[in-house]
Amino acid sequence: IGQTGVNQFSILNIGDGTLSIDTLEFNNELFGSNVTTFPLEIQANSSATIDLNFTPAEFGRENG
């Protein structure tokens, strides 16, 4: 509680062109990401690793 947990996930672009991600949105302020500059561009046959942050304020289940 009050400490940030981080999980990483990767987005792989298997296409021939650049993958452009314009925004990341969360519907719960307890969740966030390390991506602060948009668009996030991932070149063809490349990947990007994104941190998903979660900072719980109290014990219990959260959706986001």
Protein backbone atom coordinates (compact mmCIF):
# COMPACT_ATOMS: atom_id res chain seq x y z
CA ILE A 1 0.00 0.00 0.00
CA GLY A 2 1.42 3.34 -1.08
CA GLN A 3 4.30 1.71 -2.94
CA THR A 4 4.47 1.35 -6.71
CA GLY A 5 4.56 -2.07 -8.32
CA VAL A 6 5.77 -2.36 -11.90
CA ASN A 7 4.96 -4.98 -14.53
CA GLN A 8 6.51 -4.88 -17.97
CA PHE A 9 4.97 -5.93 -21.23
CA SER A 10 6.20 -5.82 -24.81
CA ILE A 11 4.46 -4.69 -27.96
CA LEU A 12 5.85 -6.37 -31.07
CA ASN A 13 5.35 -4.79 -34.48
CA ILE A 14 5.23 -7.67 -36.97
CA GLY A 15 4.12 -5.40 -39.81
CA ASP A 16 6.07 -3.85 -42.66
CA GLY A 17 5.67 -0.25 -41.53
CA THR A 18 6.06 1.82 -38.39
CA LEU A 19 3.49 1.21 -35.64
CA SER A 20 2.42 4.51 -34.08
CA ILE A 21 0.68 4.59 -30.69
CA ASP A 22 -0.89 7.97 -30.02
CA THR A 23 -1.89 7.58 -26.37
CA LEU A 24 -2.21 5.26 -23.40
CA GLU A 25 -5.29 5.80 -21.26
CA PHE A 26 -6.16 4.44 -17.84
CA ASN A 27 -9.57 4.78 -16.22
CA ASN A 28 -8.13 4.58 -12.71
CA GLU A 29 -5.56 7.05 -11.33
CA LEU A 30 -3.78 4.25 -9.46
CA PHE A 31 -2.43 2.97 -12.79
CA GLY A 32 0.16 4.62 -15.01
CA SER A 33 3.00 4.04 -17.43
CA ASN A 34 6.58 5.11 -18.06
CA VAL A 35 5.64 6.29 -21.57
CA THR A 36 5.37 10.08 -21.49
CA THR A 37 6.14 11.07 -25.08
CA PHE A 38 3.73 10.36 -27.92
CA PRO A 39 3.43 9.12 -30.48
CA LEU A 40 5.32 6.03 -29.42
CA GLU A 41 6.71 4.67 -32.67
CA ILE A 42 7.81 1.07 -33.10
CA GLN A 43 9.68 0.26 -36.29
CA ALA A 44 8.82 -2.80 -38.41
CA ASN A 45 9.96 -6.09 -36.88
CA SER A 46 10.87 -4.35 -33.62
CA SER A 47 9.38 -4.17 -30.16
CA ALA A 48 8.97 -1.74 -27.29
CA THR A 49 8.84 -2.60 -23.60
CA ILE A 50 6.38 -0.62 -21.53
CA ASP A 51 6.21 -0.40 -17.75
CA LEU A 52 2.74 -0.57 -16.23
CA ASN A 53 2.75 1.04 -12.79
CA PHE A 54 0.26 0.38 -9.99
CA THR A 55 0.26 2.33 -6.73
CA PRO A 56 -2.51 1.05 -4.45
CA ALA A 57 -3.91 3.40 -1.83
CA GLU A 58 -5.57 0.67 0.21
CA PHE A 59 -5.92 -3.10 0.37
CA GLY A 60 -8.43 -4.56 -2.08
CA ARG A 61 -9.22 -5.22 -5.68
CA GLU A 62 -8.82 -2.52 -8.35
CA ASN A 63 -9.73 -2.31 -12.02
CA GLY A 64 -8.00 -0.12 -14.52
